[in-house]
Amino acid sequence: MAQSKSSKRWLREHFTDSYVKLARQNDYRSRAAYKLLEIQQKDNIIRLGEVVVDLGAAPGGWSEVAAKLVGRIGKVFAVDILPMKPIVGIEFIQGDFTKNEVLEALLDRLNKQSVDLVISDMAPNISGIGVMDQTRGMYLVESAFDFAKRTLKPGGTFLVKVFQGKEFEALLNKIKKSFAEVAILKPKASRARSREIFLLAKGFKVI
């Protein structure tokens, strides 16, 4: 089957991408690890001994980074609709996070533990229909936000990927009401042409 122009462009970018090369050299599962590493270097959002939940974890780039930083005395819980090869120190659940039975399974694993940090690099399967993709993406962000509000300890942190669109400002204002500080980030490892940005919300306020 002939490849589309967009597929050829993606392959060309992928194999010449400096972060892809770095991920291979440093044995990370994906280039996405460098997005989290850059945010960590600047904001120190993951600390030794903390409890972290990684939503949309596969193939495991962010989970790997989190597991190393929390150490053996910390815990990382990960969930994704796709399978993920095991990572030492990580409890993984395969399933659709937006489905109630998967959410309940994750909450059972947490066993009423308060969470220090919720991270989400989730993205919808792209259909090419702008309005539909934006709606699906926003639903994932809202689901992650609801989970964060349900599980974060006071002062906790929430990091989520967002695709900019017409609902972005309303979402930003909603998150600001629940956190003391919210920053908009665009890590260098995020491709320039991508509309993805990251919201880093610190200081969760339990209302």
N, C-alpha and C. Protein backbone atom coordinates (compact mmCIF):
# COMPACT_ATOMS: atom_id res chain seq x y z
N MET A 1 0.85 -1.20 0.00
CA MET A 1 0.00 0.00 0.00
C MET A 1 0.89 1.25 0.00
N ALA A 2 0.59 2.21 -0.87
CA ALA A 2 1.38 3.42 -0.97
C ALA A 2 1.19 4.29 0.27
N GLN A 3 2.28 4.91 0.70
CA GLN A 3 2.20 5.77 1.87
C GLN A 3 1.70 7.15 1.49
N SER A 4 0.90 7.77 2.38
CA SER A 4 0.42 9.12 2.14
C SER A 4 1.57 10.10 2.34
N LYS A 5 1.38 11.34 1.88
CA LYS A 5 2.40 12.37 2.04
C LYS A 5 2.66 12.63 3.53
N SER A 6 1.57 12.62 4.34
CA SER A 6 1.73 12.89 5.77
C SER A 6 2.49 11.76 6.45
N SER A 7 2.25 10.51 6.02
CA SER A 7 2.98 9.38 6.59
C SER A 7 4.46 9.45 6.25
N LYS A 8 4.76 9.80 5.00
CA LYS A 8 6.16 9.93 4.58
C LYS A 8 6.85 11.05 5.36
N ARG A 9 6.14 12.14 5.56
CA ARG A 9 6.72 13.26 6.31
C ARG A 9 6.99 12.85 7.74
N TRP A 10 6.03 12.13 8.35
CA TRP A 10 6.21 11.69 9.74
C TRP A 10 7.42 10.75 9.86
N LEU A 11 7.53 9.82 8.94
CA LEU A 11 8.67 8.89 8.97
C LEU A 11 10.00 9.61 8.81
N ARG A 12 10.02 10.57 7.89
CA ARG A 12 11.25 11.34 7.65
C ARG A 12 11.62 12.12 8.92
N GLU A 13 10.64 12.78 9.54
CA GLU A 13 10.88 13.53 10.76
C GLU A 13 11.33 12.61 11.89
N HIS A 14 10.67 11.46 11.99
CA HIS A 14 10.93 10.54 13.09
C HIS A 14 12.38 10.04 13.06
N PHE A 15 12.84 9.64 11.90
CA PHE A 15 14.17 9.03 11.82
C PHE A 15 15.30 10.06 11.80
N THR A 16 14.96 11.33 11.64
CA THR A 16 15.99 12.37 11.72
C THR A 16 15.86 13.20 13.00
N ASP A 17 14.89 12.88 13.82
CA ASP A 17 14.59 13.62 15.04
C ASP A 17 15.69 13.42 16.08
N SER A 18 16.25 14.51 16.60
CA SER A 18 17.34 14.40 17.58
C SER A 18 16.87 13.76 18.88
N TYR A 19 15.59 13.97 19.25
CA TYR A 19 15.09 13.39 20.49
C TYR A 19 14.82 11.90 20.34
N VAL A 20 14.46 11.46 19.15
CA VAL A 20 14.34 10.03 18.89
C VAL A 20 15.71 9.37 19.05
N LYS A 21 16.74 10.02 18.49
CA LYS A 21 18.10 9.48 18.60
C LYS A 21 18.55 9.45 20.06
N LEU A 22 18.25 10.51 20.81
CA LEU A 22 18.62 10.56 22.22
C LEU A 22 17.92 9.46 23.02
N ALA A 23 16.64 9.24 22.71
CA ALA A 23 15.89 8.20 23.41
C ALA A 23 16.52 6.84 23.18
N ARG A 24 16.97 6.59 21.97
CA ARG A 24 17.63 5.31 21.67
C ARG A 24 18.96 5.20 22.41
N GLN A 25 19.72 6.27 22.39
CA GLN A 25 21.03 6.26 23.04
C GLN A 25 20.90 6.04 24.55
N ASN A 26 19.89 6.64 25.16
CA ASN A 26 19.73 6.58 26.61
C ASN A 26 18.71 5.54 27.06
N ASP A 27 18.26 4.70 26.11
CA ASP A 27 17.40 3.58 26.40
C ASP A 27 16.06 3.98 27.00
N TYR A 28 15.51 5.10 26.51
CA TYR A 28 14.13 5.47 26.86
C TYR A 28 13.19 4.88 25.81
N ARG A 29 11.98 4.59 26.23
CA ARG A 29 11.02 3.95 25.33
C ARG A 29 10.48 4.90 24.26
N SER A 30 10.48 6.18 24.54
CA SER A 30 9.98 7.13 23.54
C SER A 30 10.61 8.50 23.75
N ARG A 31 10.56 9.31 22.71
CA ARG A 31 11.09 10.67 22.77
C ARG A 31 10.30 11.52 23.75
N ALA A 32 9.07 11.10 24.08
CA ALA A 32 8.24 11.86 25.01
C ALA A 32 8.90 12.01 26.37
N ALA A 33 9.80 11.10 26.70
CA ALA A 33 10.50 11.19 27.99
C ALA A 33 11.17 12.55 28.15
N TYR A 34 11.65 13.12 27.05
CA TYR A 34 12.40 14.37 27.13
C TYR A 34 11.49 15.57 27.39
N LYS A 35 10.21 15.44 27.07
CA LYS A 35 9.26 16.50 27.44
C LYS A 35 9.15 16.58 28.95
N LEU A 36 8.97 15.42 29.58
CA LEU A 36 8.84 15.38 31.03
C LEU A 36 10.16 15.73 31.72
N LEU A 37 11.27 15.26 31.18
CA LEU A 37 12.57 15.58 31.77
C LEU A 37 12.84 17.08 31.76
N GLU A 38 12.46 17.76 30.68
CA GLU A 38 12.67 19.21 30.62
C GLU A 38 11.80 19.93 31.66
N ILE A 39 10.55 19.50 31.79
CA ILE A 39 9.66 20.10 32.78
C ILE A 39 10.17 19.82 34.20
N GLN A 40 10.66 18.60 34.40
CA GLN A 40 11.22 18.24 35.71
C GLN A 40 12.44 19.09 36.05
N GLN A 41 13.30 19.29 35.09
CA GLN A 41 14.51 20.07 35.33
C GLN A 41 14.18 21.49 35.76
N LYS A 42 13.13 22.06 35.18
CA LYS A 42 12.77 23.45 35.48
C LYS A 42 11.91 23.56 36.73
N ASP A 43 10.96 22.63 36.90
CA ASP A 43 9.94 22.80 37.94
C ASP A 43 9.99 21.78 39.07
N ASN A 44 10.82 20.75 38.93
CA ASN A 44 11.00 19.75 40.00
C ASN A 44 9.65 19.22 40.50
N ILE A 45 8.85 18.68 39.60
CA ILE A 45 7.50 18.26 39.97
C ILE A 45 7.44 16.83 40.51
N ILE A 46 8.51 16.05 40.33
CA ILE A 46 8.54 14.66 40.82
C ILE A 46 9.66 14.54 41.84
N ARG A 47 9.30 14.06 43.04
CA ARG A 47 10.28 13.97 44.12
C ARG A 47 10.35 12.55 44.68
N LEU A 48 11.46 12.26 45.32
CA LEU A 48 11.69 10.96 45.93
C LEU A 48 10.56 10.62 46.91
N GLY A 49 10.04 9.38 46.77
CA GLY A 49 9.04 8.89 47.70
C GLY A 49 7.61 9.26 47.38
N GLU A 50 7.39 9.99 46.30
CA GLU A 50 6.02 10.44 46.00
C GLU A 50 5.19 9.35 45.32
N VAL A 51 3.87 9.60 45.29
CA VAL A 51 2.93 8.75 44.58
C VAL A 51 2.50 9.48 43.31
N VAL A 52 2.72 8.84 42.16
CA VAL A 52 2.44 9.44 40.86
C VAL A 52 1.50 8.55 40.07
N VAL A 53 0.54 9.15 39.36
CA VAL A 53 -0.33 8.42 38.46
C VAL A 53 -0.10 8.94 37.04
N ASP A 54 0.19 8.02 36.12
CA ASP A 54 0.47 8.35 34.72
C ASP A 54 -0.70 7.86 33.86
N LEU A 55 -1.48 8.79 33.33
CA LEU A 55 -2.63 8.46 32.50
C LEU A 55 -2.23 8.50 31.03
N GLY A 56 -2.57 7.45 30.30
CA GLY A 56 -2.15 7.37 28.90
C GLY A 56 -0.68 7.07 28.81
N ALA A 57 -0.23 6.06 29.55
CA ALA A 57 1.19 5.84 29.80
C ALA A 57 1.96 5.21 28.65
N ALA A 58 1.35 4.31 27.89
CA ALA A 58 2.08 3.54 26.88
C ALA A 58 2.72 4.46 25.84
N PRO A 59 3.93 4.13 25.40
CA PRO A 59 4.72 2.92 25.67
C PRO A 59 5.52 2.95 26.96
N GLY A 60 5.45 4.07 27.71
CA GLY A 60 6.08 4.09 29.02
C GLY A 60 7.16 5.13 29.22
N GLY A 61 7.33 6.05 28.29
CA GLY A 61 8.38 7.06 28.41
C GLY A 61 8.29 7.90 29.67
N TRP A 62 7.08 8.40 29.96
CA TRP A 62 6.90 9.21 31.16
C TRP A 62 6.98 8.36 32.42
N SER A 63 6.44 7.15 32.37
CA SER A 63 6.47 6.26 33.54
C SER A 63 7.90 5.92 33.93
N GLU A 64 8.75 5.69 32.94
CA GLU A 64 10.17 5.40 33.21
C GLU A 64 10.82 6.53 33.98
N VAL A 65 10.59 7.74 33.52
CA VAL A 65 11.17 8.92 34.17
C VAL A 65 10.65 9.04 35.60
N ALA A 66 9.33 8.90 35.75
CA ALA A 66 8.72 9.04 37.08
C ALA A 66 9.23 7.98 38.04
N ALA A 67 9.35 6.73 37.57
CA ALA A 67 9.79 5.64 38.44
C ALA A 67 11.20 5.88 38.97
N LYS A 68 12.08 6.37 38.11
CA LYS A 68 13.45 6.65 38.54
C LYS A 68 13.50 7.76 39.58
N LEU A 69 12.65 8.75 39.43
CA LEU A 69 12.69 9.91 40.31
C LEU A 69 12.03 9.66 41.67
N VAL A 70 10.96 8.86 41.70
CA VAL A 70 10.32 8.59 43.00
C VAL A 70 11.09 7.54 43.79
N GLY A 71 11.89 6.74 43.09
CA GLY A 71 12.70 5.73 43.74
C GLY A 71 11.88 4.56 44.30
N ARG A 72 12.56 3.69 45.03
CA ARG A 72 11.90 2.50 45.56
C ARG A 72 10.89 2.82 46.65
N ILE A 73 11.05 3.96 47.29
CA ILE A 73 10.11 4.30 48.36
C ILE A 73 8.88 5.03 47.84
N GLY A 74 8.88 5.36 46.56
CA GLY A 74 7.71 5.97 45.94
C GLY A 74 6.92 4.94 45.15
N LYS A 75 5.83 5.39 44.53
CA LYS A 75 4.98 4.49 43.75
C LYS A 75 4.52 5.19 42.48
N VAL A 76 4.47 4.43 41.39
CA VAL A 76 3.93 4.94 40.12
C VAL A 76 2.85 3.98 39.66
N PHE A 77 1.67 4.53 39.40
CA PHE A 77 0.56 3.77 38.85
C PHE A 77 0.32 4.28 37.44
N ALA A 78 0.18 3.37 36.49
CA ALA A 78 0.03 3.75 35.08
C ALA A 78 -1.16 3.05 34.46
N VAL A 79 -1.80 3.72 33.50
CA VAL A 79 -2.94 3.12 32.81
C VAL A 79 -2.91 3.56 31.35
N ASP A 80 -3.29 2.64 30.46
CA ASP A 80 -3.41 2.98 29.05
C ASP A 80 -4.29 1.94 28.37
N ILE A 81 -4.96 2.38 27.32
CA ILE A 81 -5.79 1.46 26.55
C ILE A 81 -4.93 0.47 25.77
N LEU A 82 -3.67 0.84 25.51
CA LEU A 82 -2.73 -0.03 24.80
C LEU A 82 -1.90 -0.84 25.79
N PRO A 83 -1.38 -1.99 25.37
CA PRO A 83 -0.50 -2.74 26.25
C PRO A 83 0.82 -2.01 26.47
N MET A 84 1.48 -2.30 27.58
CA MET A 84 2.77 -1.69 27.88
C MET A 84 3.67 -2.73 28.51
N LYS A 85 4.88 -2.86 27.99
CA LYS A 85 5.83 -3.81 28.57
C LYS A 85 6.12 -3.41 30.02
N PRO A 86 6.26 -4.39 30.90
CA PRO A 86 6.47 -4.09 32.32
C PRO A 86 7.67 -3.20 32.58
N ILE A 87 7.54 -2.35 33.59
CA ILE A 87 8.62 -1.50 34.07
C ILE A 87 8.73 -1.74 35.56
N VAL A 88 9.93 -1.99 36.03
CA VAL A 88 10.14 -2.27 37.46
C VAL A 88 9.62 -1.10 38.30
N GLY A 89 8.80 -1.43 39.30
CA GLY A 89 8.31 -0.42 40.22
C GLY A 89 7.02 0.25 39.79
N ILE A 90 6.45 -0.18 38.66
CA ILE A 90 5.23 0.45 38.16
C ILE A 90 4.09 -0.55 38.13
N GLU A 91 2.95 -0.13 38.69
CA GLU A 91 1.73 -0.93 38.62
C GLU A 91 0.92 -0.45 37.42
N PHE A 92 0.74 -1.34 36.45
CA PHE A 92 0.08 -0.96 35.19
C PHE A 92 -1.27 -1.62 35.05
N ILE A 93 -2.24 -0.84 34.58
CA ILE A 93 -3.57 -1.35 34.26
C ILE A 93 -3.83 -1.07 32.79
N GLN A 94 -4.17 -2.11 32.02
CA GLN A 94 -4.53 -1.89 30.63
C GLN A 94 -6.03 -1.74 30.51
N GLY A 95 -6.45 -0.66 29.90
CA GLY A 95 -7.87 -0.41 29.70
C GLY A 95 -8.12 1.05 29.39
N ASP A 96 -9.34 1.34 29.01
CA ASP A 96 -9.76 2.69 28.66
C ASP A 96 -10.07 3.46 29.94
N PHE A 97 -9.21 4.40 30.25
CA PHE A 97 -9.34 5.16 31.49
C PHE A 97 -10.70 5.84 31.63
N THR A 98 -11.33 6.18 30.51
CA THR A 98 -12.61 6.89 30.58
C THR A 98 -13.78 5.95 30.87
N LYS A 99 -13.53 4.65 30.89
CA LYS A 99 -14.57 3.68 31.23
C LYS A 99 -14.60 3.48 32.75
N ASN A 100 -15.79 3.43 33.31
CA ASN A 100 -15.92 3.40 34.76
C ASN A 100 -15.22 2.21 35.40
N GLU A 101 -15.28 1.02 34.76
CA GLU A 101 -14.68 -0.16 35.37
C GLU A 101 -13.16 -0.04 35.45
N VAL A 102 -12.54 0.61 34.46
CA VAL A 102 -11.09 0.81 34.49
C VAL A 102 -10.72 1.86 35.54
N LEU A 103 -11.49 2.92 35.60
CA LEU A 103 -11.27 3.95 36.61
C LEU A 103 -11.36 3.36 38.01
N GLU A 104 -12.37 2.53 38.23
CA GLU A 104 -12.55 1.92 39.55
C GLU A 104 -11.40 0.97 39.87
N ALA A 105 -10.89 0.27 38.86
CA ALA A 105 -9.74 -0.62 39.08
C ALA A 105 -8.51 0.18 39.50
N LEU A 106 -8.32 1.34 38.89
CA LEU A 106 -7.21 2.20 39.26
C LEU A 106 -7.38 2.72 40.68
N LEU A 107 -8.57 3.14 41.03
CA LEU A 107 -8.83 3.63 42.38
C LEU A 107 -8.62 2.53 43.41
N ASP A 108 -8.99 1.29 43.04
CA ASP A 108 -8.76 0.15 43.95
C ASP A 108 -7.26 -0.05 44.19
N ARG A 109 -6.46 0.08 43.11
CA ARG A 109 -5.01 -0.08 43.26
C ARG A 109 -4.44 1.01 44.18
N LEU A 110 -4.97 2.20 44.08
CA LEU A 110 -4.50 3.29 44.93
C LEU A 110 -4.86 3.04 46.40
N ASN A 111 -5.95 2.31 46.61
CA ASN A 111 -6.37 1.93 47.97
C ASN A 111 -6.45 3.15 48.91
N LYS A 112 -7.10 4.19 48.41
CA LYS A 112 -7.36 5.42 49.17
C LYS A 112 -6.09 6.23 49.47
N GLN A 113 -4.98 5.90 48.81
CA GLN A 113 -3.78 6.73 48.95
C GLN A 113 -4.00 8.07 48.26
N SER A 114 -3.57 9.13 48.89
CA SER A 114 -3.58 10.43 48.23
C SER A 114 -2.41 10.47 47.24
N VAL A 115 -2.60 11.19 46.15
CA VAL A 115 -1.62 11.24 45.06
C VAL A 115 -0.90 12.59 45.08
N ASP A 116 0.41 12.54 44.89
CA ASP A 116 1.20 13.78 44.83
C ASP A 116 1.13 14.44 43.46
N LEU A 117 1.08 13.62 42.42
CA LEU A 117 1.17 14.14 41.05
C LEU A 117 0.38 13.26 40.09
N VAL A 118 -0.45 13.90 39.27
CA VAL A 118 -1.12 13.22 38.15
C VAL A 118 -0.55 13.79 36.86
N ILE A 119 -0.04 12.90 36.00
CA ILE A 119 0.50 13.32 34.71
C ILE A 119 -0.30 12.65 33.60
N SER A 120 -0.55 13.39 32.54
CA SER A 120 -1.34 12.85 31.43
C SER A 120 -0.79 13.33 30.10
N ASP A 121 -0.33 12.38 29.30
CA ASP A 121 0.13 12.66 27.94
C ASP A 121 -0.86 12.06 26.94
N MET A 122 -2.09 11.87 27.40
CA MET A 122 -3.11 11.23 26.55
C MET A 122 -3.45 12.08 25.34
N ALA A 123 -3.74 11.39 24.25
CA ALA A 123 -4.19 12.06 23.02
C ALA A 123 -5.17 11.13 22.31
N PRO A 124 -6.18 11.69 21.64
CA PRO A 124 -7.14 10.83 20.93
C PRO A 124 -6.54 10.31 19.64
N ASN A 125 -7.11 9.24 19.12
CA ASN A 125 -6.77 8.80 17.76
C ASN A 125 -7.24 9.88 16.80
N ILE A 126 -6.34 10.38 15.98
CA ILE A 126 -6.66 11.50 15.09
C ILE A 126 -7.47 11.02 13.88
N SER A 127 -8.61 11.66 13.70
CA SER A 127 -9.48 11.30 12.57
C SER A 127 -9.23 12.20 11.36
N GLY A 128 -8.63 13.37 11.61
CA GLY A 128 -8.45 14.35 10.53
C GLY A 128 -9.58 15.34 10.46
N ILE A 129 -10.64 15.10 11.24
CA ILE A 129 -11.77 16.03 11.31
C ILE A 129 -11.54 16.92 12.53
N GLY A 130 -11.20 18.17 12.28
CA GLY A 130 -10.74 19.06 13.33
C GLY A 130 -11.65 19.16 14.54
N VAL A 131 -12.93 19.40 14.30
CA VAL A 131 -13.88 19.59 15.40
C VAL A 131 -13.99 18.32 16.23
N MET A 132 -14.05 17.17 15.56
CA MET A 132 -14.17 15.91 16.27
C MET A 132 -12.91 15.62 17.09
N ASP A 133 -11.75 15.85 16.51
CA ASP A 133 -10.50 15.58 17.22
C ASP A 133 -10.36 16.50 18.44
N GLN A 134 -10.76 17.77 18.28
CA GLN A 134 -10.69 18.71 19.39
C GLN A 134 -11.61 18.28 20.54
N THR A 135 -12.81 17.83 20.18
CA THR A 135 -13.78 17.39 21.18
C THR A 135 -13.27 16.16 21.93
N ARG A 136 -12.73 15.20 21.19
CA ARG A 136 -12.19 13.99 21.82
C ARG A 136 -11.02 14.32 22.73
N GLY A 137 -10.14 15.19 22.26
CA GLY A 137 -8.99 15.57 23.06
C GLY A 137 -9.40 16.28 24.34
N MET A 138 -10.37 17.17 24.23
CA MET A 138 -10.83 17.90 25.41
C MET A 138 -11.51 16.97 26.41
N TYR A 139 -12.20 15.96 25.91
CA TYR A 139 -12.84 14.98 26.80
C TYR A 139 -11.79 14.25 27.63
N LEU A 140 -10.67 13.89 27.01
CA LEU A 140 -9.60 13.22 27.73
C LEU A 140 -9.00 14.14 28.80
N VAL A 141 -8.80 15.40 28.45
CA VAL A 141 -8.25 16.35 29.41
C VAL A 141 -9.21 16.53 30.59
N GLU A 142 -10.48 16.68 30.29
CA GLU A 142 -11.49 16.84 31.35
C GLU A 142 -11.54 15.61 32.25
N SER A 143 -11.41 14.43 31.65
CA SER A 143 -11.42 13.19 32.43
C SER A 143 -10.21 13.13 33.36
N ALA A 144 -9.05 13.52 32.84
CA ALA A 144 -7.84 13.54 33.66
C ALA A 144 -7.96 14.57 34.78
N PHE A 145 -8.54 15.71 34.48
CA PHE A 145 -8.74 16.77 35.48
C PHE A 145 -9.68 16.29 36.59
N ASP A 146 -10.76 15.62 36.21
CA ASP A 146 -11.70 15.09 37.21
C ASP A 146 -11.00 14.08 38.12
N PHE A 147 -10.16 13.24 37.51
CA PHE A 147 -9.43 12.25 38.30
C PHE A 147 -8.46 12.95 39.26
N ALA A 148 -7.77 13.96 38.78
CA ALA A 148 -6.83 14.70 39.62
C ALA A 148 -7.55 15.31 40.82
N LYS A 149 -8.69 15.91 40.58
CA LYS A 149 -9.44 16.53 41.68
C LYS A 149 -9.90 15.49 42.69
N ARG A 150 -10.13 14.30 42.22
CA ARG A 150 -10.62 13.23 43.09
C ARG A 150 -9.52 12.61 43.94
N THR A 151 -8.28 12.63 43.46
CA THR A 151 -7.22 11.86 44.11
C THR A 151 -6.05 12.66 44.66
N LEU A 152 -5.84 13.88 44.18
CA LEU A 152 -4.67 14.66 44.63
C LEU A 152 -4.77 15.05 46.09
N LYS A 153 -3.63 15.07 46.76
CA LYS A 153 -3.57 15.58 48.12
C LYS A 153 -3.52 17.11 48.06
N PRO A 154 -3.85 17.79 49.13
CA PRO A 154 -3.74 19.26 49.14
C PRO A 154 -2.32 19.68 48.77
N GLY A 155 -2.22 20.63 47.84
CA GLY A 155 -0.92 21.09 47.37
C GLY A 155 -0.35 20.27 46.23
N GLY A 156 -1.09 19.23 45.79
CA GLY A 156 -0.63 18.34 44.73
C GLY A 156 -0.52 19.03 43.37
N THR A 157 0.04 18.29 42.41
CA THR A 157 0.36 18.85 41.09
C THR A 157 -0.29 18.04 39.97
N PHE A 158 -0.67 18.73 38.90
CA PHE A 158 -1.34 18.13 37.74
C PHE A 158 -0.66 18.64 36.48
N LEU A 159 -0.19 17.70 35.65
CA LEU A 159 0.45 18.04 34.37
C LEU A 159 -0.32 17.33 33.26
N VAL A 160 -0.83 18.09 32.30
CA VAL A 160 -1.69 17.49 31.27
C VAL A 160 -1.40 18.09 29.90
N LYS A 161 -1.42 17.22 28.89
CA LYS A 161 -1.29 17.68 27.50
C LYS A 161 -2.63 18.17 26.98
N VAL A 162 -2.58 19.30 26.30
CA VAL A 162 -3.80 19.91 25.74
C VAL A 162 -3.51 20.34 24.31
N PHE A 163 -4.50 20.14 23.44
CA PHE A 163 -4.41 20.67 22.08
C PHE A 163 -5.24 21.95 22.02
N GLN A 164 -4.60 23.02 21.61
CA GLN A 164 -5.27 24.32 21.63
C GLN A 164 -6.45 24.36 20.67
N GLY A 165 -7.51 25.00 21.10
CA GLY A 165 -8.72 25.13 20.30
C GLY A 165 -9.67 26.09 20.98
N LYS A 166 -10.90 26.14 20.52
CA LYS A 166 -11.85 27.14 21.01
C LYS A 166 -12.26 26.92 22.46
N GLU A 167 -12.13 25.71 22.98
CA GLU A 167 -12.52 25.44 24.37
C GLU A 167 -11.36 25.61 25.35
N PHE A 168 -10.21 25.99 24.84
CA PHE A 168 -9.02 26.02 25.69
C PHE A 168 -9.13 27.03 26.83
N GLU A 169 -9.57 28.24 26.54
CA GLU A 169 -9.63 29.29 27.57
C GLU A 169 -10.58 28.90 28.70
N ALA A 170 -11.71 28.30 28.35
CA ALA A 170 -12.67 27.87 29.38
C ALA A 170 -12.05 26.79 30.26
N LEU A 171 -11.31 25.86 29.65
CA LEU A 171 -10.64 24.81 30.42
C LEU A 171 -9.59 25.43 31.34
N LEU A 172 -8.79 26.33 30.82
CA LEU A 172 -7.74 26.98 31.60
C LEU A 172 -8.32 27.67 32.82
N ASN A 173 -9.40 28.40 32.64
CA ASN A 173 -10.03 29.10 33.76
C ASN A 173 -10.58 28.12 34.79
N LYS A 174 -11.09 27.00 34.34
CA LYS A 174 -11.62 25.98 35.24
C LYS A 174 -10.50 25.39 36.11
N ILE A 175 -9.38 25.09 35.47
CA ILE A 175 -8.25 24.52 36.21
C ILE A 175 -7.68 25.53 37.19
N LYS A 176 -7.63 26.80 36.80
CA LYS A 176 -7.10 27.84 37.69
C LYS A 176 -7.88 27.95 38.99
N LYS A 177 -9.16 27.62 38.95
CA LYS A 177 -9.98 27.70 40.16
C LYS A 177 -9.59 26.62 41.18
N SER A 178 -8.98 25.53 40.71
CA SER A 178 -8.65 24.42 41.60
C SER A 178 -7.19 24.39 42.03
N PHE A 179 -6.36 25.26 41.45
CA PHE A 179 -4.93 25.24 41.75
C PHE A 179 -4.42 26.66 42.03
N ALA A 180 -3.39 26.73 42.84
CA ALA A 180 -2.83 28.04 43.20
C ALA A 180 -2.09 28.68 42.03
N GLU A 181 -1.52 27.84 41.15
CA GLU A 181 -0.67 28.36 40.07
C GLU A 181 -0.81 27.47 38.84
N VAL A 182 -1.01 28.05 37.66
CA VAL A 182 -1.11 27.29 36.42
C VAL A 182 -0.22 27.94 35.36
N ALA A 183 0.64 27.12 34.75
CA ALA A 183 1.54 27.62 33.71
C ALA A 183 1.30 26.87 32.41
N ILE A 184 1.49 27.56 31.29
CA ILE A 184 1.39 26.96 29.97
C ILE A 184 2.80 26.70 29.46
N LEU A 185 3.09 25.44 29.11
CA LEU A 185 4.44 25.05 28.72
C LEU A 185 4.47 24.46 27.31
N LYS A 186 5.59 24.67 26.64
CA LYS A 186 5.84 24.07 25.34
C LYS A 186 7.29 23.57 25.36
N PRO A 187 7.51 22.34 25.83
CA PRO A 187 8.89 21.83 25.91
C PRO A 187 9.55 21.78 24.53
N LYS A 188 10.87 21.87 24.53
CA LYS A 188 11.62 21.83 23.26
C LYS A 188 11.40 20.52 22.53
N ALA A 189 11.16 19.44 23.27
CA ALA A 189 10.96 18.14 22.64
C ALA A 189 9.59 18.01 21.99
N SER A 190 8.71 18.96 22.24
CA SER A 190 7.41 18.99 21.56
C SER A 190 7.62 19.60 20.18
N ARG A 191 7.22 18.87 19.15
CA ARG A 191 7.48 19.35 17.79
C ARG A 191 6.83 20.70 17.55
N ALA A 192 7.55 21.58 16.90
CA ALA A 192 7.12 22.96 16.71
C ALA A 192 5.78 23.06 15.98
N ARG A 193 5.57 22.17 15.01
CA ARG A 193 4.32 22.27 14.24
C ARG A 193 3.12 21.66 14.96
N SER A 194 3.38 20.97 16.08
CA SER A 194 2.29 20.36 16.84
C SER A 194 1.54 21.43 17.64
N ARG A 195 0.23 21.29 17.73
CA ARG A 195 -0.59 22.22 18.51
C ARG A 195 -0.60 21.85 19.99
N GLU A 196 0.12 20.81 20.35
CA GLU A 196 0.12 20.41 21.75
C GLU A 196 0.88 21.39 22.62
N ILE A 197 0.31 21.62 23.80
CA ILE A 197 0.98 22.35 24.85
C ILE A 197 0.71 21.57 26.14
N PHE A 198 1.32 21.99 27.22
CA PHE A 198 1.11 21.32 28.49
C PHE A 198 0.72 22.34 29.55
N LEU A 199 -0.28 21.98 30.34
CA LEU A 199 -0.68 22.80 31.46
C LEU A 199 -0.08 22.19 32.73
N LEU A 200 0.66 22.99 33.45
CA LEU A 200 1.24 22.55 34.72
C LEU A 200 0.54 23.32 35.84
N ALA A 201 -0.25 22.58 36.62
CA ALA A 201 -1.04 23.17 37.69
C ALA A 201 -0.47 22.73 39.04
N LYS A 202 -0.07 23.70 39.86
CA LYS A 202 0.54 23.41 41.15
C LYS A 202 -0.33 23.93 42.29
N GLY A 203 -0.22 23.28 43.43
CA GLY A 203 -0.92 23.75 44.62
C GLY A 203 -2.41 23.47 44.59
N PHE A 204 -2.75 22.18 44.51
CA PHE A 204 -4.17 21.80 44.46
C PHE A 204 -4.90 22.29 45.70
N LYS A 205 -6.06 22.92 45.46
CA LYS A 205 -6.87 23.47 46.55
C LYS A 205 -8.07 22.55 46.76
N VAL A 206 -8.11 21.90 47.91
CA VAL A 206 -9.24 21.03 48.24
C VAL A 206 -10.39 21.90 48.71
N ILE A 207 -11.46 21.87 47.97
CA ILE A 207 -12.61 22.73 48.28
C ILE A 207 -13.66 21.91 49.03
